[in-house]
Amino acid sequence: MTKLAIALCLFAASLMAAQPFLPGQAPARHADRENPLAGDARAQKAGAKLFDHECASCHGAGAGGIGKTPSLRQSAVSGAKPGALYWVIENGGIFHGMPSFAHLPERERWQLVTFLQSLNNR
């Protein structure tokens, strides 16, 4: 490996370590959005199915995390603002290795938010 490649790897690693928790990166105008499906049991169930299909391969079937992929059962996730979670789902996190899920319809993204916010209440 060349010195430049090593330097680039170290730089990327330092950027990753410096990045705050993804919901904390959501711009205020997005983070302050309310979940139109909050409290909807059917939306929560639909979100659980979507999670199993779209997210469980990285975050684990029980959302407990796999390897370096974080658990989504943290209070920081269930207690995050709904709009911030939506923003993360829609935009992903390039330095965290999370892809964007903007391909999902808006309603399905809100269903995932509803499910995520229910995790510590189960």
PDB file of N, CA and C in Angstrom:
ATOM      1  N   MET A   1       0.837  -1.173   0.000  1.00  0.00           N
ATOM      2  CA  MET A   1       0.000   0.000   0.000  1.00  0.00           C
ATOM      3  C   MET A   1       0.888   1.245   0.000  1.00  0.00           C
ATOM      4  N   THR A   2       0.525   2.211  -0.784  1.00  0.00           N
ATOM      5  CA  THR A   2       1.332   3.423  -0.830  1.00  0.00           C
ATOM      6  C   THR A   2       1.053   4.303   0.375  1.00  0.00           C
ATOM      7  N   LYS A   3       1.955   5.235   0.603  1.00  0.00           N
ATOM      8  CA  LYS A   3       1.782   6.161   1.717  1.00  0.00           C
ATOM      9  C   LYS A   3       0.501   6.983   1.545  1.00  0.00           C
ATOM     10  N   LEU A   4       0.183   7.332   0.319  1.00  0.00           N
ATOM     11  CA  LEU A   4      -1.036   8.112   0.055  1.00  0.00           C
ATOM     12  C   LEU A   4      -2.280   7.307   0.407  1.00  0.00           C
ATOM     13  N   ALA A   5      -2.305   6.036   0.031  1.00  0.00           N
ATOM     14  CA  ALA A   5      -3.456   5.183   0.341  1.00  0.00           C
ATOM     15  C   ALA A   5      -3.627   5.024   1.842  1.00  0.00           C
ATOM     16  N   ILE A   6      -2.528   4.849   2.548  1.00  0.00           N
ATOM     17  CA  ILE A   6      -2.590   4.719   4.010  1.00  0.00           C
ATOM     18  C   ILE A   6      -3.110   6.012   4.622  1.00  0.00           C
ATOM     19  N   ALA A   7      -2.622   7.148   4.125  1.00  0.00           N
ATOM     20  CA  ALA A   7      -3.063   8.446   4.643  1.00  0.00           C
ATOM     21  C   ALA A   7      -4.555   8.645   4.391  1.00  0.00           C
ATOM     22  N   LEU A   8      -5.033   8.255   3.220  1.00  0.00           N
ATOM     23  CA  LEU A   8      -6.460   8.391   2.905  1.00  0.00           C
ATOM     24  C   LEU A   8      -7.304   7.503   3.806  1.00  0.00           C
ATOM     25  N   CYS A   9      -6.857   6.294   4.076  1.00  0.00           N
ATOM     26  CA  CYS A   9      -7.591   5.395   4.973  1.00  0.00           C
ATOM     27  C   CYS A   9      -7.660   5.971   6.380  1.00  0.00           C
ATOM     28  N   LEU A  10      -6.545   6.511   6.860  1.00  0.00           N
ATOM     29  CA  LEU A  10      -6.527   7.111   8.195  1.00  0.00           C
ATOM     30  C   LEU A  10      -7.428   8.338   8.257  1.00  0.00           C
ATOM     31  N   PHE A  11      -7.425   9.137   7.198  1.00  0.00           N
ATOM     32  CA  PHE A  11      -8.277  10.318   7.143  1.00  0.00           C
ATOM     33  C   PHE A  11      -9.752   9.912   7.163  1.00  0.00           C
ATOM     34  N   ALA A  12     -10.114   8.912   6.376  1.00  0.00           N
ATOM     35  CA  ALA A  12     -11.514   8.449   6.339  1.00  0.00           C
ATOM     36  C   ALA A  12     -11.925   7.902   7.704  1.00  0.00           C
ATOM     37  N   ALA A  13     -11.037   7.165   8.348  1.00  0.00           N
ATOM     38  CA  ALA A  13     -11.354   6.621   9.673  1.00  0.00           C
ATOM     39  C   ALA A  13     -11.558   7.738  10.687  1.00  0.00           C
ATOM     40  N   SER A  14     -10.747   8.793  10.601  1.00  0.00           N
ATOM     41  CA  SER A  14     -10.910   9.902  11.542  1.00  0.00           C
ATOM     42  C   SER A  14     -12.219  10.638  11.290  1.00  0.00           C
ATOM     43  N   LEU A  15     -12.622  10.761  10.040  1.00  0.00           N
ATOM     44  CA  LEU A  15     -13.916  11.386   9.734  1.00  0.00           C
ATOM     45  C   LEU A  15     -15.058  10.564  10.299  1.00  0.00           C
ATOM     46  N   MET A  16     -14.970   9.248  10.166  1.00  0.00           N
ATOM     47  CA  MET A  16     -16.020   8.380  10.679  1.00  0.00           C
ATOM     48  C   MET A  16     -16.118   8.500  12.195  1.00  0.00           C
ATOM     49  N   ALA A  17     -14.997   8.540  12.869  1.00  0.00           N
ATOM     50  CA  ALA A  17     -14.996   8.625  14.322  1.00  0.00           C
ATOM     51  C   ALA A  17     -15.535   9.960  14.800  1.00  0.00           C
ATOM     52  N   ALA A  18     -15.363  11.009  13.994  1.00  0.00           N
ATOM     53  CA  ALA A  18     -15.786  12.351  14.396  1.00  0.00           C
ATOM     54  C   ALA A  18     -17.265  12.609  14.124  1.00  0.00           C
ATOM     55  N   GLN A  19     -17.889  11.737  13.367  1.00  0.00           N
ATOM     56  CA  GLN A  19     -19.285  11.963  13.006  1.00  0.00           C
ATOM     57  C   GLN A  19     -20.201  11.679  14.186  1.00  0.00           C
ATOM     58  N   PRO A  20     -21.144  12.598  14.479  1.00  0.00           N
ATOM     59  CA  PRO A  20     -22.083  12.343  15.567  1.00  0.00           C
ATOM     60  C   PRO A  20     -23.121  11.302  15.145  1.00  0.00           C
ATOM     61  N   PHE A  21     -23.887  10.842  16.114  1.00  0.00           N
ATOM     62  CA  PHE A  21     -24.960   9.897  15.850  1.00  0.00           C
ATOM     63  C   PHE A  21     -25.839  10.444  14.731  1.00  0.00           C
ATOM     64  N   LEU A  22     -26.192   9.637  13.772  1.00  0.00           N
ATOM     65  CA  LEU A  22     -26.867  10.106  12.559  1.00  0.00           C
ATOM     66  C   LEU A  22     -28.102  10.984  12.785  1.00  0.00           C
ATOM     67  N   PRO A  23     -29.043  10.640  13.661  1.00  0.00           N
ATOM     68  CA  PRO A  23     -30.187  11.540  13.826  1.00  0.00           C
ATOM     69  C   PRO A  23     -29.783  12.948  14.257  1.00  0.00           C
ATOM     70  N   GLY A  24     -28.662  13.069  14.942  1.00  0.00           N
ATOM     71  CA  GLY A  24     -28.173  14.368  15.359  1.00  0.00           C
ATOM     72  C   GLY A  24     -27.667  15.213  14.211  1.00  0.00           C
ATOM     73  N   GLN A  25     -27.472  14.615  13.050  1.00  0.00           N
ATOM     74  CA  GLN A  25     -27.000  15.341  11.871  1.00  0.00           C
ATOM     75  C   GLN A  25     -28.142  15.938  11.060  1.00  0.00           C
ATOM     76  N   ALA A  26     -29.366  15.576  11.378  1.00  0.00           N
ATOM     77  CA  ALA A  26     -30.512  16.065  10.601  1.00  0.00           C
ATOM     78  C   ALA A  26     -30.667  17.572  10.785  1.00  0.00           C
ATOM     79  N   PRO A  27     -30.809  18.317   9.696  1.00  0.00           N
ATOM     80  CA  PRO A  27     -31.052  19.750   9.814  1.00  0.00           C
ATOM     81  C   PRO A  27     -32.347  19.994  10.604  1.00  0.00           C
ATOM     82  N   ALA A  28     -32.380  21.052  11.389  1.00  0.00           N
ATOM     83  CA  ALA A  28     -33.522  21.340  12.268  1.00  0.00           C
ATOM     84  C   ALA A  28     -34.842  21.360  11.519  1.00  0.00           C
ATOM     85  N   ARG A  29     -34.855  21.915  10.318  1.00  0.00           N
ATOM     86  CA  ARG A  29     -36.123  21.992   9.585  1.00  0.00           C
ATOM     87  C   ARG A  29     -36.671  20.613   9.212  1.00  0.00           C
ATOM     88  N   HIS A  30     -35.790  19.628   9.159  1.00  0.00           N
ATOM     89  CA  HIS A  30     -36.230  18.254   8.905  1.00  0.00           C
ATOM     90  C   HIS A  30     -36.508  17.526  10.212  1.00  0.00           C
ATOM     91  N   ALA A  31     -35.639  17.727  11.188  1.00  0.00           N
ATOM     92  CA  ALA A  31     -35.772  17.035  12.470  1.00  0.00           C
ATOM     93  C   ALA A  31     -37.072  17.383  13.175  1.00  0.00           C
ATOM     94  N   ASP A  32     -37.563  18.580  12.974  1.00  0.00           N
ATOM     95  CA  ASP A  32     -38.771  19.030  13.663  1.00  0.00           C
ATOM     96  C   ASP A  32     -40.070  18.553  13.018  1.00  0.00           C
ATOM     97  N   ARG A  33     -39.966  17.789  11.936  1.00  0.00           N
ATOM     98  CA  ARG A  33     -41.179  17.257  11.298  1.00  0.00           C
ATOM     99  C   ARG A  33     -41.849  16.250  12.220  1.00  0.00           C
ATOM    100  N   GLU A  34     -43.149  16.269  12.228  1.00  0.00           N
ATOM    101  CA  GLU A  34     -43.926  15.316  13.026  1.00  0.00           C
ATOM    102  C   GLU A  34     -44.245  14.088  12.190  1.00  0.00           C
ATOM    103  N   ASN A  35     -44.368  12.952  12.851  1.00  0.00           N
ATOM    104  CA  ASN A  35     -44.717  11.694  12.186  1.00  0.00           C
ATOM    105  C   ASN A  35     -46.234  11.642  12.019  1.00  0.00           C
ATOM    106  N   PRO A  36     -46.723  11.670  10.781  1.00  0.00           N
ATOM    107  CA  PRO A  36     -48.168  11.606  10.573  1.00  0.00           C
ATOM    108  C   PRO A  36     -48.776  10.263  10.978  1.00  0.00           C
ATOM    109  N   LEU A  37     -47.948   9.254  11.216  1.00  0.00           N
ATOM    110  CA  LEU A  37     -48.441   7.916  11.573  1.00  0.00           C
ATOM    111  C   LEU A  37     -48.171   7.569  13.040  1.00  0.00           C
ATOM    112  N   ALA A  38     -47.744   8.548  13.824  1.00  0.00           N
ATOM    113  CA  ALA A  38     -47.430   8.301  15.240  1.00  0.00           C
ATOM    114  C   ALA A  38     -48.624   7.689  15.955  1.00  0.00           C
ATOM    115  N   GLY A  39     -48.367   6.636  16.721  1.00  0.00           N
ATOM    116  CA  GLY A  39     -49.413   5.982  17.497  1.00  0.00           C
ATOM    117  C   GLY A  39     -50.298   5.037  16.706  1.00  0.00           C
ATOM    118  N   ASP A  40     -50.046   4.872  15.443  1.00  0.00           N
ATOM    119  CA  ASP A  40     -50.853   4.002  14.581  1.00  0.00           C
ATOM    120  C   ASP A  40     -50.285   2.583  14.642  1.00  0.00           C
ATOM    121  N   ALA A  41     -51.006   1.672  15.281  1.00  0.00           N
ATOM    122  CA  ALA A  41     -50.537   0.293  15.466  1.00  0.00           C
ATOM    123  C   ALA A  41     -50.313  -0.418  14.134  1.00  0.00           C
ATOM    124  N   ARG A  42     -51.162  -0.137  13.154  1.00  0.00           N
ATOM    125  CA  ARG A  42     -50.981  -0.780  11.841  1.00  0.00           C
ATOM    126  C   ARG A  42     -49.708  -0.280  11.161  1.00  0.00           C
ATOM    127  N   ALA A  43     -49.414   1.010  11.326  1.00  0.00           N
ATOM    128  CA  ALA A  43     -48.183   1.565  10.751  1.00  0.00           C
ATOM    129  C   ALA A  43     -46.963   0.943  11.421  1.00  0.00           C
ATOM    130  N   GLN A  44     -47.051   0.710  12.718  1.00  0.00           N
ATOM    131  CA  GLN A  44     -45.956   0.078  13.456  1.00  0.00           C
ATOM    132  C   GLN A  44     -45.711  -1.336  12.953  1.00  0.00           C
ATOM    133  N   LYS A  45     -46.789  -2.096  12.743  1.00  0.00           N
ATOM    134  CA  LYS A  45     -46.654  -3.462  12.218  1.00  0.00           C
ATOM    135  C   LYS A  45     -46.077  -3.452  10.807  1.00  0.00           C
ATOM    136  N   ALA A  46     -46.566  -2.535   9.983  1.00  0.00           N
ATOM    137  CA  ALA A  46     -46.047  -2.428   8.621  1.00  0.00           C
ATOM    138  C   ALA A  46     -44.573  -2.037   8.647  1.00  0.00           C
ATOM    139  N   GLY A  47     -44.207  -1.153   9.576  1.00  0.00           N
ATOM    140  CA  GLY A  47     -42.813  -0.753   9.726  1.00  0.00           C
ATOM    141  C   GLY A  47     -41.934  -1.912  10.147  1.00  0.00           C
ATOM    142  N   ALA A  48     -42.465  -2.784  11.006  1.00  0.00           N
ATOM    143  CA  ALA A  48     -41.707  -3.968  11.436  1.00  0.00           C
ATOM    144  C   ALA A  48     -41.436  -4.888  10.247  1.00  0.00           C
ATOM    145  N   LYS A  49     -42.425  -5.068   9.388  1.00  0.00           N
ATOM    146  CA  LYS A  49     -42.236  -5.903   8.194  1.00  0.00           C
ATOM    147  C   LYS A  49     -41.219  -5.272   7.240  1.00  0.00           C
ATOM    148  N   LEU A  50     -41.324  -3.959   7.058  1.00  0.00           N
ATOM    149  CA  LEU A  50     -40.358  -3.255   6.212  1.00  0.00           C
ATOM    150  C   LEU A  50     -38.951  -3.379   6.789  1.00  0.00           C
ATOM    151  N   PHE A  51     -38.846  -3.237   8.107  1.00  0.00           N
ATOM    152  CA  PHE A  51     -37.551  -3.359   8.758  1.00  0.00           C
ATOM    153  C   PHE A  51     -36.947  -4.725   8.464  1.00  0.00           C
ATOM    154  N   ASP A  52     -37.736  -5.773   8.617  1.00  0.00           N
ATOM    155  CA  ASP A  52     -37.246  -7.126   8.343  1.00  0.00           C
ATOM    156  C   ASP A  52     -36.745  -7.261   6.911  1.00  0.00           C
ATOM    157  N   HIS A  53     -37.427  -6.622   5.982  1.00  0.00           N
ATOM    158  CA  HIS A  53     -37.081  -6.723   4.562  1.00  0.00           C
ATOM    159  C   HIS A  53     -35.925  -5.814   4.178  1.00  0.00           C
ATOM    160  N   GLU A  54     -35.898  -4.592   4.692  1.00  0.00           N
ATOM    161  CA  GLU A  54     -34.942  -3.583   4.247  1.00  0.00           C
ATOM    162  C   GLU A  54     -33.738  -3.380   5.172  1.00  0.00           C
ATOM    163  N   CYS A  55     -33.896  -3.609   6.463  1.00  0.00           N
ATOM    164  CA  CYS A  55     -32.887  -3.168   7.441  1.00  0.00           C
ATOM    165  C   CYS A  55     -32.232  -4.281   8.247  1.00  0.00           C
ATOM    166  N   ALA A  56     -32.938  -5.386   8.423  1.00  0.00           N
ATOM    167  CA  ALA A  56     -32.467  -6.443   9.324  1.00  0.00           C
ATOM    168  C   ALA A  56     -31.151  -7.078   8.878  1.00  0.00           C
ATOM    169  N   SER A  57     -30.861  -7.046   7.587  1.00  0.00           N
ATOM    170  CA  SER A  57     -29.607  -7.659   7.131  1.00  0.00           C
ATOM    171  C   SER A  57     -28.393  -6.950   7.724  1.00  0.00           C
ATOM    172  N   CYS A  58     -28.532  -5.683   8.064  1.00  0.00           N
ATOM    173  CA  CYS A  58     -27.428  -4.940   8.694  1.00  0.00           C
ATOM    174  C   CYS A  58     -27.639  -4.748  10.194  1.00  0.00           C
ATOM    175  N   HIS A  59     -28.866  -4.434  10.598  1.00  0.00           N
ATOM    176  CA  HIS A  59     -29.131  -4.094  11.996  1.00  0.00           C
ATOM    177  C   HIS A  59     -29.618  -5.277  12.831  1.00  0.00           C
ATOM    178  N   GLY A  60     -29.768  -6.445  12.215  1.00  0.00           N
ATOM    179  CA  GLY A  60     -30.198  -7.634  12.938  1.00  0.00           C
ATOM    180  C   GLY A  60     -31.709  -7.763  12.979  1.00  0.00           C
ATOM    181  N   ALA A  61     -32.173  -9.012  13.049  1.00  0.00           N
ATOM    182  CA  ALA A  61     -33.612  -9.277  13.045  1.00  0.00           C
ATOM    183  C   ALA A  61     -34.320  -8.615  14.214  1.00  0.00           C
ATOM    184  N   GLY A  62     -33.663  -8.500  15.338  1.00  0.00           N
ATOM    185  CA  GLY A  62     -34.263  -7.850  16.504  1.00  0.00           C
ATOM    186  C   GLY A  62     -33.814  -6.413  16.667  1.00  0.00           C
ATOM    187  N   ALA A  63     -33.169  -5.861  15.652  1.00  0.00           N
ATOM    188  CA  ALA A  63     -32.657  -4.484  15.651  1.00  0.00           C
ATOM    189  C   ALA A  63     -31.558  -4.296  16.689  1.00  0.00           C
ATOM    190  N   GLY A  64     -30.922  -5.389  17.095  1.00  0.00           N
ATOM    191  CA  GLY A  64     -29.887  -5.321  18.116  1.00  0.00           C
ATOM    192  C   GLY A  64     -28.496  -5.036  17.593  1.00  0.00           C
ATOM    193  N   GLY A  65     -28.371  -4.861  16.282  1.00  0.00           N
ATOM    194  CA  GLY A  65     -27.068  -4.588  15.692  1.00  0.00           C
ATOM    195  C   GLY A  65     -26.337  -5.861  15.323  1.00  0.00           C
ATOM    196  N   ILE A  66     -25.447  -5.748  14.366  1.00  0.00           N
ATOM    197  CA  ILE A  66     -24.618  -6.869  13.923  1.00  0.00           C
ATOM    198  C   ILE A  66     -23.210  -6.325  13.724  1.00  0.00           C
ATOM    199  N   GLY A  67     -22.244  -6.883  14.411  1.00  0.00           N
ATOM    200  CA  GLY A  67     -20.863  -6.420  14.262  1.00  0.00           C
ATOM    201  C   GLY A  67     -20.732  -4.947  14.598  1.00  0.00           C
ATOM    202  N   LYS A  68     -20.252  -4.166  13.632  1.00  0.00           N
ATOM    203  CA  LYS A  68     -20.064  -2.728  13.854  1.00  0.00           C
ATOM    204  C   LYS A  68     -21.334  -1.927  13.589  1.00  0.00           C
ATOM    205  N   THR A  69     -22.359  -2.578  13.065  1.00  0.00           N
ATOM    206  CA  THR A  69     -23.617  -1.880  12.811  1.00  0.00           C
ATOM    207  C   THR A  69     -24.342  -1.716  14.138  1.00  0.00           C
ATOM    208  N   PRO A  70     -24.738  -0.498  14.474  1.00  0.00           N
ATOM    209  CA  PRO A  70     -25.288  -0.252  15.813  1.00  0.00           C
ATOM    210  C   PRO A  70     -26.671  -0.839  16.050  1.00  0.00           C
ATOM    211  N   SER A  71     -26.916  -1.090  17.308  1.00  0.00           N
ATOM    212  CA  SER A  71     -28.251  -1.493  17.740  1.00  0.00           C
ATOM    213  C   SER A  71     -29.187  -0.301  17.578  1.00  0.00           C
ATOM    214  N   LEU A  72     -30.378  -0.566  17.149  1.00  0.00           N
ATOM    215  CA  LEU A  72     -31.390   0.493  17.038  1.00  0.00           C
ATOM    216  C   LEU A  72     -32.321   0.459  18.245  1.00  0.00           C
ATOM    217  N   ARG A  73     -31.967  -0.331  19.236  1.00  0.00           N
ATOM    218  CA  ARG A  73     -32.748  -0.417  20.472  1.00  0.00           C
ATOM    219  C   ARG A  73     -32.235   0.572  21.522  1.00  0.00           C
ATOM    220  N   GLN A  74     -31.392   1.473  21.120  1.00  0.00           N
ATOM    221  CA  GLN A  74     -30.879   2.496  22.014  1.00  0.00           C
ATOM    222  C   GLN A  74     -31.953   3.549  22.261  1.00  0.00           C
ATOM    223  N   SER A  75     -31.930   4.132  23.442  1.00  0.00           N
ATOM    224  CA  SER A  75     -32.890   5.199  23.719  1.00  0.00           C
ATOM    225  C   SER A  75     -32.641   6.402  22.815  1.00  0.00           C
ATOM    226  N   ALA A  76     -31.399   6.537  22.325  1.00  0.00           N
ATOM    227  CA  ALA A  76     -31.098   7.632  21.404  1.00  0.00           C
ATOM    228  C   ALA A  76     -31.886   7.493  20.100  1.00  0.00           C
ATOM    229  N   VAL A  77     -32.241   6.261  19.743  1.00  0.00           N
ATOM    230  CA  VAL A  77     -33.040   6.044  18.530  1.00  0.00           C
ATOM    231  C   VAL A  77     -34.520   6.199  18.842  1.00  0.00           C
ATOM    232  N   SER A  78     -35.011   5.456  19.829  1.00  0.00           N
ATOM    233  CA  SER A  78     -36.443   5.521  20.125  1.00  0.00           C
ATOM    234  C   SER A  78     -36.847   6.904  20.637  1.00  0.00           C
ATOM    235  N   GLY A  79     -35.894   7.632  21.218  1.00  0.00           N
ATOM    236  CA  GLY A  79     -36.196   8.966  21.726  1.00  0.00           C
ATOM    237  C   GLY A  79     -35.852  10.088  20.768  1.00  0.00           C
ATOM    238  N   ALA A  80     -35.317   9.744  19.599  1.00  0.00           N
ATOM    239  CA  ALA A  80     -34.969  10.771  18.612  1.00  0.00           C
ATOM    240  C   ALA A  80     -36.233  11.399  18.039  1.00  0.00           C
ATOM    241  N   LYS A  81     -36.088  12.614  17.561  1.00  0.00           N
ATOM    242  CA  LYS A  81     -37.225  13.273  16.924  1.00  0.00           C
ATOM    243  C   LYS A  81     -37.623  12.482  15.685  1.00  0.00           C
ATOM    244  N   PRO A  82     -38.926  12.327  15.455  1.00  0.00           N
ATOM    245  CA  PRO A  82     -39.367  11.540  14.300  1.00  0.00           C
ATOM    246  C   PRO A  82     -38.798  12.054  12.976  1.00  0.00           C
ATOM    247  N   GLY A  83     -38.767  13.364  12.820  1.00  0.00           N
ATOM    248  CA  GLY A  83     -38.245  13.933  11.577  1.00  0.00           C
ATOM    249  C   GLY A  83     -36.774  13.631  11.367  1.00  0.00           C
ATOM    250  N   ALA A  84     -36.019  13.536  12.470  1.00  0.00           N
ATOM    251  CA  ALA A  84     -34.593  13.210  12.378  1.00  0.00           C
ATOM    252  C   ALA A  84     -34.412  11.768  11.910  1.00  0.00           C
ATOM    253  N   LEU A  85     -35.219  10.859  12.439  1.00  0.00           N
ATOM    254  CA  LEU A  85     -35.149   9.460  11.995  1.00  0.00           C
ATOM    255  C   LEU A  85     -35.550   9.348  10.525  1.00  0.00           C
ATOM    256  N   TYR A  86     -36.588  10.059  10.156  1.00  0.00           N
ATOM    257  CA  TYR A  86     -37.040  10.055   8.764  1.00  0.00           C
ATOM    258  C   TYR A  86     -35.909  10.540   7.857  1.00  0.00           C
ATOM    259  N   TRP A  87     -35.239  11.614   8.279  1.00  0.00           N
ATOM    260  CA  TRP A  87     -34.149  12.192   7.494  1.00  0.00           C
ATOM    261  C   TRP A  87     -33.032  11.173   7.297  1.00  0.00           C
ATOM    262  N   VAL A  88     -32.695  10.430   8.356  1.00  0.00           N
ATOM    263  CA  VAL A  88     -31.643   9.416   8.259  1.00  0.00           C
ATOM    264  C   VAL A  88     -32.056   8.306   7.304  1.00  0.00           C
ATOM    265  N   ILE A  89     -33.294   7.865   7.409  1.00  0.00           N
ATOM    266  CA  ILE A  89     -33.776   6.811   6.510  1.00  0.00           C
ATOM    267  C   ILE A  89     -33.730   7.291   5.066  1.00  0.00           C
ATOM    268  N   GLU A  90     -34.143   8.507   4.848  1.00  0.00           N
ATOM    269  CA  GLU A  90     -34.193   9.055   3.489  1.00  0.00           C
ATOM    270  C   GLU A  90     -32.798   9.326   2.913  1.00  0.00           C
ATOM    271  N   ASN A  91     -31.876   9.807   3.739  1.00  0.00           N
ATOM    272  CA  ASN A  91     -30.577  10.241   3.247  1.00  0.00           C
ATOM    273  C   ASN A  91     -29.425   9.275   3.515  1.00  0.00           C
ATOM    274  N   GLY A  92     -29.581   8.402   4.490  1.00  0.00           N
ATOM    275  CA  GLY A  92     -28.488   7.505   4.835  1.00  0.00           C
ATOM    276  C   GLY A  92     -27.363   8.265   5.518  1.00  0.00           C
ATOM    277  N   GLY A  93     -26.224   7.652   5.601  1.00  0.00           N
ATOM    278  CA  GLY A  93     -25.053   8.271   6.213  1.00  0.00           C
ATOM    279  C   GLY A  93     -23.796   7.746   5.558  1.00  0.00           C
ATOM    280  N   ILE A  94     -23.249   8.503   4.648  1.00  0.00           N
ATOM    281  CA  ILE A  94     -22.122   8.044   3.848  1.00  0.00           C
ATOM    282  C   ILE A  94     -20.929   7.622   4.703  1.00  0.00           C
ATOM    283  N   PHE A  95     -20.627   8.357   5.768  1.00  0.00           N
ATOM    284  CA  PHE A  95     -19.466   8.020   6.591  1.00  0.00           C
ATOM    285  C   PHE A  95     -19.766   6.890   7.572  1.00  0.00           C
ATOM    286  N   HIS A  96     -21.032   6.501   7.674  1.00  0.00           N
ATOM    287  CA  HIS A  96     -21.414   5.408   8.559  1.00  0.00           C
ATOM    288  C   HIS A  96     -21.722   4.136   7.781  1.00  0.00           C
ATOM    289  N   GLY A  97     -21.700   4.220   6.466  1.00  0.00           N
ATOM    290  CA  GLY A  97     -21.967   3.054   5.643  1.00  0.00           C
ATOM    291  C   GLY A  97     -23.440   2.737   5.489  1.00  0.00           C
ATOM    292  N   MET A  98     -24.307   3.683   5.877  1.00  0.00           N
ATOM    293  CA  MET A  98     -25.745   3.441   5.742  1.00  0.00           C
ATOM    294  C   MET A  98     -26.234   4.021   4.413  1.00  0.00           C
ATOM    295  N   PRO A  99     -26.864   3.186   3.600  1.00  0.00           N
ATOM    296  CA  PRO A  99     -27.376   3.695   2.324  1.00  0.00           C
ATOM    297  C   PRO A  99     -28.651   4.516   2.517  1.00  0.00           C
ATOM    298  N   SER A 100     -28.986   5.260   1.501  1.00  0.00           N
ATOM    299  CA  SER A 100     -30.245   6.001   1.485  1.00  0.00           C
ATOM    300  C   SER A 100     -31.385   5.025   1.172  1.00  0.00           C
ATOM    301  N   PHE A 101     -32.538   5.273   1.787  1.00  0.00           N
ATOM    302  CA  PHE A 101     -33.728   4.487   1.475  1.00  0.00           C
ATOM    303  C   PHE A 101     -34.792   5.396   0.865  1.00  0.00           C
ATOM    304  N   ALA A 102     -34.316   6.396   0.102  1.00  0.00           N
ATOM    305  CA  ALA A 102     -35.223   7.335  -0.563  1.00  0.00           C
ATOM    306  C   ALA A 102     -36.073   6.638  -1.617  1.00  0.00           C
ATOM    307  N   HIS A 103     -35.677   5.418  -2.012  1.00  0.00           N
ATOM    308  CA  HIS A 103     -36.466   4.674  -2.991  1.00  0.00           C
ATOM    309  C   HIS A 103     -37.801   4.212  -2.404  1.00  0.00           C
ATOM    310  N   LEU A 104     -37.891   4.168  -1.077  1.00  0.00           N
ATOM    311  CA  LEU A 104     -39.160   3.777  -0.445  1.00  0.00           C
ATOM    312  C   LEU A 104     -40.139   4.948  -0.503  1.00  0.00           C
ATOM    313  N   PRO A 105     -41.404   4.665  -0.694  1.00  0.00           N
ATOM    314  CA  PRO A 105     -42.394   5.748  -0.662  1.00  0.00           C
ATOM    315  C   PRO A 105     -42.400   6.442   0.709  1.00  0.00           C
ATOM    316  N   GLU A 106     -42.791   7.683   0.736  1.00  0.00           N
ATOM    317  CA  GLU A 106     -42.794   8.472   1.970  1.00  0.00           C
ATOM    318  C   GLU A 106     -43.539   7.758   3.099  1.00  0.00           C
ATOM    319  N   ARG A 107     -44.705   7.205   2.789  1.00  0.00           N
ATOM    320  CA  ARG A 107     -45.488   6.516   3.823  1.00  0.00           C
ATOM    321  C   ARG A 107     -44.699   5.372   4.448  1.00  0.00           C
ATOM    322  N   GLU A 108     -43.977   4.612   3.650  1.00  0.00           N
ATOM    323  CA  GLU A 108     -43.194   3.491   4.168  1.00  0.00           C
ATOM    324  C   GLU A 108     -42.043   3.988   5.049  1.00  0.00           C
ATOM    325  N   ARG A 109     -41.441   5.119   4.696  1.00  0.00           N
ATOM    326  CA  ARG A 109     -40.386   5.683   5.539  1.00  0.00           C
ATOM    327  C   ARG A 109     -40.959   6.074   6.903  1.00  0.00           C
ATOM    328  N   TRP A 110     -42.179   6.644   6.913  1.00  0.00           N
ATOM    329  CA  TRP A 110     -42.811   7.002   8.190  1.00  0.00           C
ATOM    330  C   TRP A 110     -43.197   5.743   8.973  1.00  0.00           C
ATOM    331  N   GLN A 111     -43.553   4.670   8.285  1.00  0.00           N
ATOM    332  CA  GLN A 111     -43.845   3.407   8.970  1.00  0.00           C
ATOM    333  C   GLN A 111     -42.589   2.891   9.666  1.00  0.00           C
ATOM    334  N   LEU A 112     -41.444   3.008   9.015  1.00  0.00           N
ATOM    335  CA  LEU A 112     -40.185   2.607   9.651  1.00  0.00           C
ATOM    336  C   LEU A 112     -39.904   3.460  10.883  1.00  0.00           C
ATOM    337  N   VAL A 113     -40.153   4.758  10.794  1.00  0.00           N
ATOM    338  CA  VAL A 113     -39.968   5.643  11.945  1.00  0.00           C
ATOM    339  C   VAL A 113     -40.866   5.198  13.087  1.00  0.00           C
ATOM    340  N   THR A 114     -42.113   4.902  12.777  1.00  0.00           N
ATOM    341  CA  THR A 114     -43.076   4.462  13.796  1.00  0.00           C
ATOM    342  C   THR A 114     -42.587   3.197  14.480  1.00  0.00           C
ATOM    343  N   PHE A 115     -42.076   2.257  13.699  1.00  0.00           N
ATOM    344  CA  PHE A 115     -41.531   1.017  14.254  1.00  0.00           C
ATOM    345  C   PHE A 115     -40.305   1.303  15.125  1.00  0.00           C
ATOM    346  N   LEU A 116     -39.376   2.088  14.631  1.00  0.00           N
ATOM    347  CA  LEU A 116     -38.155   2.384  15.389  1.00  0.00           C
ATOM    348  C   LEU A 116     -38.466   3.040  16.728  1.00  0.00           C
ATOM    349  N   GLN A 117     -39.428   3.928  16.737  1.00  0.00           N
ATOM    350  CA  GLN A 117     -39.756   4.615  17.985  1.00  0.00           C
ATOM    351  C   GLN A 117     -40.494   3.704  18.960  1.00  0.00           C
ATOM    352  N   SER A 118     -40.946   2.577  18.483  1.00  0.00           N
ATOM    353  CA  SER A 118     -41.653   1.625  19.369  1.00  0.00           C
ATOM    354  C   SER A 118     -40.711   0.611  20.008  1.00  0.00           C
ATOM    355  N   LEU A 119     -39.475   0.539  19.558  1.00  0.00           N
ATOM    356  CA  LEU A 119     -38.583  -0.547  19.973  1.00  0.00           C
ATOM    357  C   LEU A 119     -38.368  -0.644  21.472  1.00  0.00           C
ATOM    358  N   ASN A 120     -38.177   0.440  22.162  1.00  0.00           N
ATOM    359  CA  ASN A 120     -37.937   0.372  23.611  1.00  0.00           C
ATOM    360  C   ASN A 120     -39.227   0.276  24.392  1.00  0.00           C
ATOM    361  N   ASN A 121     -40.368   0.320  23.728  1.00  0.00           N
ATOM    362  CA  ASN A 121     -41.659   0.204  24.389  1.00  0.00           C
ATOM    363  C   ASN A 121     -42.210  -1.205  24.313  1.00  0.00           C
ATOM    364  N   ARG A 122     -41.445  -2.122  23.716  1.00  0.00           N
ATOM    365  CA  ARG A 122     -41.935  -3.501  23.531  1.00  0.00           C
ATOM    366  C   ARG A 122     -41.569  -4.366  24.709  1.00  0.00           C
TER     367      ARG A 122
END
